[in-house]
Amino acid sequence: MAKGDIDTYQQDGQWKNRPEGNERATSRHDTKAEAEAAGRDMAAERGTEHVIKKQDGTIGEKNTYPRSRDPREIPG
């Protein structure tokens, strides 16, 4: 992850968001959808990448904000 990227992950039965470089989560949520929405907002505000992990800890999705910074030139 690049400096400041937002990581959305599950730990101890809660979904959490943590900016890269922080040891502790910035926000905690009961559902993955709530955590994704909060993480997306955080990443958009900071102009960084949002990494969404699955329950097993593997990367499920990555989104770059703003979209113009996305290194891939394919839609989606």
PDB file of N, CA and C in Angstrom:
ATOM      1  N   MET A   1       0.830  -1.183   0.000  1.00  0.00           N
ATOM      2  CA  MET A   1       0.000   0.000   0.000  1.00  0.00           C
ATOM      3  C   MET A   1       0.876   1.250   0.000  1.00  0.00           C
ATOM      4  N   ALA A   2       0.431   2.238  -0.679  1.00  0.00           N
ATOM      5  CA  ALA A   2       1.137   3.520  -0.683  1.00  0.00           C
ATOM      6  C   ALA A   2       0.850   4.263   0.619  1.00  0.00           C
ATOM      7  N   LYS A   3       1.641   5.255   0.900  1.00  0.00           N
ATOM      8  CA  LYS A   3       1.489   6.021   2.132  1.00  0.00           C
ATOM      9  C   LYS A   3       0.089   6.616   2.240  1.00  0.00           C
ATOM     10  N   GLY A   4      -0.613   6.287   3.307  1.00  0.00           N
ATOM     11  CA  GLY A   4      -1.930   6.849   3.548  1.00  0.00           C
ATOM     12  C   GLY A   4      -3.095   6.091   2.953  1.00  0.00           C
ATOM     13  N   ASP A   5      -2.850   5.001   2.228  1.00  0.00           N
ATOM     14  CA  ASP A   5      -3.951   4.220   1.676  1.00  0.00           C
ATOM     15  C   ASP A   5      -4.848   3.722   2.806  1.00  0.00           C
ATOM     16  N   ILE A   6      -6.139   3.550   2.512  1.00  0.00           N
ATOM     17  CA  ILE A   6      -7.104   3.104   3.513  1.00  0.00           C
ATOM     18  C   ILE A   6      -7.342   1.607   3.351  1.00  0.00           C
ATOM     19  N   ASP A   7      -7.213   0.885   4.447  1.00  0.00           N
ATOM     20  CA  ASP A   7      -7.372  -0.562   4.486  1.00  0.00           C
ATOM     21  C   ASP A   7      -8.662  -0.887   5.231  1.00  0.00           C
ATOM     22  N   THR A   8      -9.621  -1.583   4.575  1.00  0.00           N
ATOM     23  CA  THR A   8     -10.854  -2.033   5.208  1.00  0.00           C
ATOM     24  C   THR A   8     -10.722  -3.534   5.434  1.00  0.00           C
ATOM     25  N   TYR A   9     -10.887  -3.971   6.681  1.00  0.00           N
ATOM     26  CA  TYR A   9     -10.651  -5.370   7.036  1.00  0.00           C
ATOM     27  C   TYR A   9     -11.525  -5.776   8.220  1.00  0.00           C
ATOM     28  N   GLN A  10     -11.620  -7.099   8.463  1.00  0.00           N
ATOM     29  CA  GLN A  10     -12.386  -7.598   9.592  1.00  0.00           C
ATOM     30  C   GLN A  10     -11.437  -8.077  10.681  1.00  0.00           C
ATOM     31  N   GLN A  11     -11.777  -7.734  11.923  1.00  0.00           N
ATOM     32  CA  GLN A  11     -10.983  -8.179  13.061  1.00  0.00           C
ATOM     33  C   GLN A  11     -11.889  -8.215  14.293  1.00  0.00           C
ATOM     34  N   ASP A  12     -11.828  -9.291  15.020  1.00  0.00           N
ATOM     35  CA  ASP A  12     -12.603  -9.440  16.258  1.00  0.00           C
ATOM     36  C   ASP A  12     -14.097  -9.209  16.054  1.00  0.00           C
ATOM     37  N   GLY A  13     -14.639  -9.677  14.937  1.00  0.00           N
ATOM     38  CA  GLY A  13     -16.067  -9.578  14.671  1.00  0.00           C
ATOM     39  C   GLY A  13     -16.549  -8.215  14.216  1.00  0.00           C
ATOM     40  N   GLN A  14     -15.640  -7.288  13.985  1.00  0.00           N
ATOM     41  CA  GLN A  14     -16.007  -5.956  13.500  1.00  0.00           C
ATOM     42  C   GLN A  14     -15.240  -5.657  12.228  1.00  0.00           C
ATOM     43  N   TRP A  15     -15.852  -4.807  11.393  1.00  0.00           N
ATOM     44  CA  TRP A  15     -15.180  -4.313  10.189  1.00  0.00           C
ATOM     45  C   TRP A  15     -14.540  -2.985  10.533  1.00  0.00           C
ATOM     46  N   LYS A  16     -13.283  -2.798  10.138  1.00  0.00           N
ATOM     47  CA  LYS A  16     -12.525  -1.622  10.534  1.00  0.00           C
ATOM     48  C   LYS A  16     -11.852  -0.958   9.334  1.00  0.00           C
ATOM     49  N   ASN A  17     -11.550   0.332   9.506  1.00  0.00           N
ATOM     50  CA  ASN A  17     -10.788   1.099   8.515  1.00  0.00           C
ATOM     51  C   ASN A  17      -9.537   1.633   9.203  1.00  0.00           C
ATOM     52  N   ARG A  18      -8.407   1.457   8.519  1.00  0.00           N
ATOM     53  CA  ARG A  18      -7.142   1.931   9.068  1.00  0.00           C
ATOM     54  C   ARG A  18      -6.304   2.545   7.951  1.00  0.00           C
ATOM     55  N   PRO A  19      -5.900   3.801   8.120  1.00  0.00           N
ATOM     56  CA  PRO A  19      -4.960   4.378   7.155  1.00  0.00           C
ATOM     57  C   PRO A  19      -3.603   3.697   7.293  1.00  0.00           C
ATOM     58  N   GLU A  20      -2.948   3.452   6.187  1.00  0.00           N
ATOM     59  CA  GLU A  20      -1.623   2.826   6.206  1.00  0.00           C
ATOM     60  C   GLU A  20      -0.683   3.685   7.039  1.00  0.00           C
ATOM     61  N   GLY A  21       0.073   3.052   7.891  1.00  0.00           N
ATOM     62  CA  GLY A  21       0.997   3.750   8.776  1.00  0.00           C
ATOM     63  C   GLY A  21       0.453   3.863  10.194  1.00  0.00           C
ATOM     64  N   ASN A  22      -0.865   3.745  10.364  1.00  0.00           N
ATOM     65  CA  ASN A  22      -1.461   3.768  11.699  1.00  0.00           C
ATOM     66  C   ASN A  22      -1.476   2.357  12.273  1.00  0.00           C
ATOM     67  N   GLU A  23      -1.283   2.247  13.564  1.00  0.00           N
ATOM     68  CA  GLU A  23      -1.340   0.940  14.217  1.00  0.00           C
ATOM     69  C   GLU A  23      -2.761   0.552  14.589  1.00  0.00           C
ATOM     70  N   ARG A  24      -3.603   1.549  14.849  1.00  0.00           N
ATOM     71  CA  ARG A  24      -4.976   1.285  15.272  1.00  0.00           C
ATOM     72  C   ARG A  24      -5.967   1.744  14.219  1.00  0.00           C
ATOM     73  N   ALA A  25      -7.140   1.113  14.248  1.00  0.00           N
ATOM     74  CA  ALA A  25      -8.213   1.463  13.310  1.00  0.00           C
ATOM     75  C   ALA A  25      -8.748   2.856  13.607  1.00  0.00           C
ATOM     76  N   THR A  26      -9.131   3.568  12.565  1.00  0.00           N
ATOM     77  CA  THR A  26      -9.717   4.894  12.695  1.00  0.00           C
ATOM     78  C   THR A  26     -11.221   4.804  12.913  1.00  0.00           C
ATOM     79  N   SER A  27     -11.854   3.778  12.321  1.00  0.00           N
ATOM     80  CA  SER A  27     -13.297   3.602  12.505  1.00  0.00           C
ATOM     81  C   SER A  27     -13.635   2.122  12.603  1.00  0.00           C
ATOM     82  N   ARG A  28     -14.734   1.826  13.325  1.00  0.00           N
ATOM     83  CA  ARG A  28     -15.212   0.459  13.512  1.00  0.00           C
ATOM     84  C   ARG A  28     -16.687   0.396  13.136  1.00  0.00           C
ATOM     85  N   HIS A  29     -17.090  -0.719  12.472  1.00  0.00           N
ATOM     86  CA  HIS A  29     -18.459  -0.842  11.977  1.00  0.00           C
ATOM     87  C   HIS A  29     -18.958  -2.266  12.171  1.00  0.00           C
ATOM     88  N   ASP A  30     -20.283  -2.412  12.282  1.00  0.00           N
ATOM     89  CA  ASP A  30     -20.889  -3.728  12.456  1.00  0.00           C
ATOM     90  C   ASP A  30     -20.979  -4.512  11.159  1.00  0.00           C
ATOM     91  N   THR A  31     -21.086  -3.810  10.018  1.00  0.00           N
ATOM     92  CA  THR A  31     -21.212  -4.500   8.737  1.00  0.00           C
ATOM     93  C   THR A  31     -20.098  -4.074   7.781  1.00  0.00           C
ATOM     94  N   LYS A  32     -19.835  -4.949   6.824  1.00  0.00           N
ATOM     95  CA  LYS A  32     -18.826  -4.652   5.810  1.00  0.00           C
ATOM     96  C   LYS A  32     -19.262  -3.467   4.950  1.00  0.00           C
ATOM     97  N   ALA A  33     -20.546  -3.392   4.628  1.00  0.00           N
ATOM     98  CA  ALA A  33     -21.053  -2.302   3.789  1.00  0.00           C
ATOM     99  C   ALA A  33     -20.820  -0.944   4.443  1.00  0.00           C
ATOM    100  N   GLU A  34     -21.069  -0.858   5.745  1.00  0.00           N
ATOM    101  CA  GLU A  34     -20.838   0.404   6.468  1.00  0.00           C
ATOM    102  C   GLU A  34     -19.355   0.773   6.447  1.00  0.00           C
ATOM    103  N   ALA A  35     -18.506  -0.221   6.669  1.00  0.00           N
ATOM    104  CA  ALA A  35     -17.058   0.024   6.680  1.00  0.00           C
ATOM    105  C   ALA A  35     -16.566   0.432   5.297  1.00  0.00           C
ATOM    106  N   GLU A  36     -17.077  -0.209   4.248  1.00  0.00           N
ATOM    107  CA  GLU A  36     -16.682   0.144   2.877  1.00  0.00           C
ATOM    108  C   GLU A  36     -17.057   1.584   2.561  1.00  0.00           C
ATOM    109  N   ALA A  37     -18.257   1.990   2.935  1.00  0.00           N
ATOM    110  CA  ALA A  37     -18.706   3.357   2.659  1.00  0.00           C
ATOM    111  C   ALA A  37     -17.832   4.374   3.381  1.00  0.00           C
ATOM    112  N   ALA A  38     -17.530   4.118   4.640  1.00  0.00           N
ATOM    113  CA  ALA A  38     -16.687   5.031   5.415  1.00  0.00           C
ATOM    114  C   ALA A  38     -15.264   5.047   4.859  1.00  0.00           C
ATOM    115  N   GLY A  39     -14.744   3.882   4.491  1.00  0.00           N
ATOM    116  CA  GLY A  39     -13.400   3.795   3.914  1.00  0.00           C
ATOM    117  C   GLY A  39     -13.304   4.497   2.577  1.00  0.00           C
ATOM    118  N   ARG A  40     -14.346   4.371   1.765  1.00  0.00           N
ATOM    119  CA  ARG A  40     -14.392   5.040   0.464  1.00  0.00           C
ATOM    120  C   ARG A  40     -14.348   6.556   0.654  1.00  0.00           C
ATOM    121  N   ASP A  41     -15.126   7.057   1.616  1.00  0.00           N
ATOM    122  CA  ASP A  41     -15.121   8.498   1.900  1.00  0.00           C
ATOM    123  C   ASP A  41     -13.745   8.965   2.371  1.00  0.00           C
ATOM    124  N   MET A  42     -13.119   8.188   3.240  1.00  0.00           N
ATOM    125  CA  MET A  42     -11.789   8.543   3.745  1.00  0.00           C
ATOM    126  C   MET A  42     -10.772   8.580   2.606  1.00  0.00           C
ATOM    127  N   ALA A  43     -10.801   7.579   1.737  1.00  0.00           N
ATOM    128  CA  ALA A  43      -9.854   7.507   0.624  1.00  0.00           C
ATOM    129  C   ALA A  43     -10.078   8.649  -0.361  1.00  0.00           C
ATOM    130  N   ALA A  44     -11.345   8.980  -0.630  1.00  0.00           N
ATOM    131  CA  ALA A  44     -11.654  10.077  -1.554  1.00  0.00           C
ATOM    132  C   ALA A  44     -11.181  11.413  -0.990  1.00  0.00           C
ATOM    133  N   GLU A  45     -11.366  11.609   0.301  1.00  0.00           N
ATOM    134  CA  GLU A  45     -10.911  12.854   0.947  1.00  0.00           C
ATOM    135  C   GLU A  45      -9.398  13.003   0.875  1.00  0.00           C
ATOM    136  N   ARG A  46      -8.691  11.895   1.033  1.00  0.00           N
ATOM    137  CA  ARG A  46      -7.224  11.914   1.066  1.00  0.00           C
ATOM    138  C   ARG A  46      -6.588  11.778  -0.314  1.00  0.00           C
ATOM    139  N   GLY A  47      -7.380  11.352  -1.305  1.00  0.00           N
ATOM    140  CA  GLY A  47      -6.833  11.120  -2.640  1.00  0.00           C
ATOM    141  C   GLY A  47      -5.893   9.934  -2.666  1.00  0.00           C
ATOM    142  N   THR A  48      -6.310   8.830  -2.027  1.00  0.00           N
ATOM    143  CA  THR A  48      -5.481   7.629  -1.929  1.00  0.00           C
ATOM    144  C   THR A  48      -6.238   6.411  -2.440  1.00  0.00           C
ATOM    145  N   GLU A  49      -5.654   5.248  -2.266  1.00  0.00           N
ATOM    146  CA  GLU A  49      -6.280   4.003  -2.691  1.00  0.00           C
ATOM    147  C   GLU A  49      -7.042   3.384  -1.523  1.00  0.00           C
ATOM    148  N   HIS A  50      -8.171   2.754  -1.828  1.00  0.00           N
ATOM    149  CA  HIS A  50      -8.982   2.055  -0.831  1.00  0.00           C
ATOM    150  C   HIS A  50      -8.852   0.560  -1.089  1.00  0.00           C
ATOM    151  N   VAL A  51      -8.281  -0.166  -0.137  1.00  0.00           N
ATOM    152  CA  VAL A  51      -8.080  -1.609  -0.245  1.00  0.00           C
ATOM    153  C   VAL A  51      -9.114  -2.294   0.635  1.00  0.00           C
ATOM    154  N   ILE A  52     -10.000  -3.082   0.024  1.00  0.00           N
ATOM    155  CA  ILE A  52     -11.061  -3.779   0.749  1.00  0.00           C
ATOM    156  C   ILE A  52     -10.700  -5.260   0.817  1.00  0.00           C
ATOM    157  N   LYS A  53     -10.571  -5.772   2.034  1.00  0.00           N
ATOM    158  CA  LYS A  53     -10.198  -7.177   2.213  1.00  0.00           C
ATOM    159  C   LYS A  53     -11.424  -8.030   2.520  1.00  0.00           C
ATOM    160  N   LYS A  54     -11.326  -9.312   2.168  1.00  0.00           N
ATOM    161  CA  LYS A  54     -12.376 -10.276   2.457  1.00  0.00           C
ATOM    162  C   LYS A  54     -12.229 -10.728   3.915  1.00  0.00           C
ATOM    163  N   GLN A  55     -13.178 -11.533   4.383  1.00  0.00           N
ATOM    164  CA  GLN A  55     -13.124 -12.037   5.753  1.00  0.00           C
ATOM    165  C   GLN A  55     -11.848 -12.815   6.022  1.00  0.00           C
ATOM    166  N   ASP A  56     -11.322 -13.504   5.009  1.00  0.00           N
ATOM    167  CA  ASP A  56     -10.118 -14.312   5.202  1.00  0.00           C
ATOM    168  C   ASP A  56      -8.833 -13.488   5.126  1.00  0.00           C
ATOM    169  N   GLY A  57      -8.952 -12.178   4.892  1.00  0.00           N
ATOM    170  CA  GLY A  57      -7.788 -11.302   4.874  1.00  0.00           C
ATOM    171  C   GLY A  57      -7.172 -11.076   3.512  1.00  0.00           C
ATOM    172  N   THR A  58      -7.664 -11.772   2.492  1.00  0.00           N
ATOM    173  CA  THR A  58      -7.138 -11.560   1.150  1.00  0.00           C
ATOM    174  C   THR A  58      -7.782 -10.317   0.533  1.00  0.00           C
ATOM    175  N   ILE A  59      -7.089  -9.700  -0.405  1.00  0.00           N
ATOM    176  CA  ILE A  59      -7.607  -8.499  -1.048  1.00  0.00           C
ATOM    177  C   ILE A  59      -8.750  -8.862  -1.978  1.00  0.00           C
ATOM    178  N   GLY A  60      -9.890  -8.220  -1.770  1.00  0.00           N
ATOM    179  CA  GLY A  60     -11.056  -8.472  -2.600  1.00  0.00           C
ATOM    180  C   GLY A  60     -11.254  -7.410  -3.654  1.00  0.00           C
ATOM    181  N   GLU A  61     -10.830  -6.172  -3.329  1.00  0.00           N
ATOM    182  CA  GLU A  61     -11.073  -5.056  -4.236  1.00  0.00           C
ATOM    183  C   GLU A  61     -10.120  -3.911  -3.894  1.00  0.00           C
ATOM    184  N   LYS A  62      -9.735  -3.162  -4.934  1.00  0.00           N
ATOM    185  CA  LYS A  62      -8.928  -1.954  -4.763  1.00  0.00           C
ATOM    186  C   LYS A  62      -9.533  -0.860  -5.617  1.00  0.00           C
ATOM    187  N   ASN A  63      -9.642   0.325  -5.043  1.00  0.00           N
ATOM    188  CA  ASN A  63     -10.164   1.475  -5.770  1.00  0.00           C
ATOM    189  C   ASN A  63      -9.250   2.660  -5.540  1.00  0.00           C
ATOM    190  N   THR A  64      -8.938   3.386  -6.602  1.00  0.00           N
ATOM    191  CA  THR A  64      -8.066   4.548  -6.522  1.00  0.00           C
ATOM    192  C   THR A  64      -8.895   5.820  -6.596  1.00  0.00           C
ATOM    193  N   TYR A  65      -8.592   6.770  -5.723  1.00  0.00           N
ATOM    194  CA  TYR A  65      -9.275   8.073  -5.708  1.00  0.00           C
ATOM    195  C   TYR A  65      -8.239   9.172  -5.792  1.00  0.00           C
ATOM    196  N   PRO A  66      -8.443  10.211  -6.596  1.00  0.00           N
ATOM    197  CA  PRO A  66      -9.487  10.292  -7.620  1.00  0.00           C
ATOM    198  C   PRO A  66      -9.226   9.290  -8.731  1.00  0.00           C
ATOM    199  N   ARG A  67     -10.267   8.958  -9.470  1.00  0.00           N
ATOM    200  CA  ARG A  67     -10.169   7.928 -10.516  1.00  0.00           C
ATOM    201  C   ARG A  67      -9.098   8.260 -11.554  1.00  0.00           C
ATOM    202  N   SER A  68      -8.803   9.529 -11.744  1.00  0.00           N
ATOM    203  CA  SER A  68      -7.792   9.925 -12.737  1.00  0.00           C
ATOM    204  C   SER A  68      -6.399   9.431 -12.363  1.00  0.00           C
ATOM    205  N   ARG A  69      -6.172   9.065 -11.098  1.00  0.00           N
ATOM    206  CA  ARG A  69      -4.877   8.555 -10.658  1.00  0.00           C
ATOM    207  C   ARG A  69      -4.727   7.050 -10.880  1.00  0.00           C
ATOM    208  N   ASP A  70      -5.805   6.381 -11.283  1.00  0.00           N
ATOM    209  CA  ASP A  70      -5.770   4.939 -11.464  1.00  0.00           C
ATOM    210  C   ASP A  70      -4.773   4.565 -12.548  1.00  0.00           C
ATOM    211  N   PRO A  71      -3.777   3.724 -12.228  1.00  0.00           N
ATOM    212  CA  PRO A  71      -2.759   3.374 -13.219  1.00  0.00           C
ATOM    213  C   PRO A  71      -3.282   2.476 -14.349  1.00  0.00           C
ATOM    214  N   ARG A  72      -4.427   1.826 -14.124  1.00  0.00           N
ATOM    215  CA  ARG A  72      -4.998   0.964 -15.143  1.00  0.00           C
ATOM    216  C   ARG A  72      -5.922   1.764 -16.034  1.00  0.00           C
ATOM    217  N   GLU A  73      -5.877   1.511 -17.310  1.00  0.00           N
ATOM    218  CA  GLU A  73      -6.682   2.284 -18.260  1.00  0.00           C
ATOM    219  C   GLU A  73      -7.900   1.524 -18.747  1.00  0.00           C
ATOM    220  N   ILE A  74      -8.452   0.647 -17.896  1.00  0.00           N
ATOM    221  CA  ILE A  74      -9.655  -0.072 -18.279  1.00  0.00           C
ATOM    222  C   ILE A  74     -10.814   0.426 -17.408  1.00  0.00           C
ATOM    223  N   PRO A  75     -12.004   0.446 -17.931  1.00  0.00           N
ATOM    224  CA  PRO A  75     -13.143   0.898 -17.120  1.00  0.00           C
ATOM    225  C   PRO A  75     -13.444  -0.105 -16.021  1.00  0.00           C
ATOM    226  N   GLY A  76     -13.995   0.378 -14.919  1.00  0.00           N
ATOM    227  CA  GLY A  76     -14.430  -0.515 -13.853  1.00  0.00           C
ATOM    228  C   GLY A  76     -13.719  -0.361 -12.590  1.00  0.00           C
TER     229      GLY A  76
END
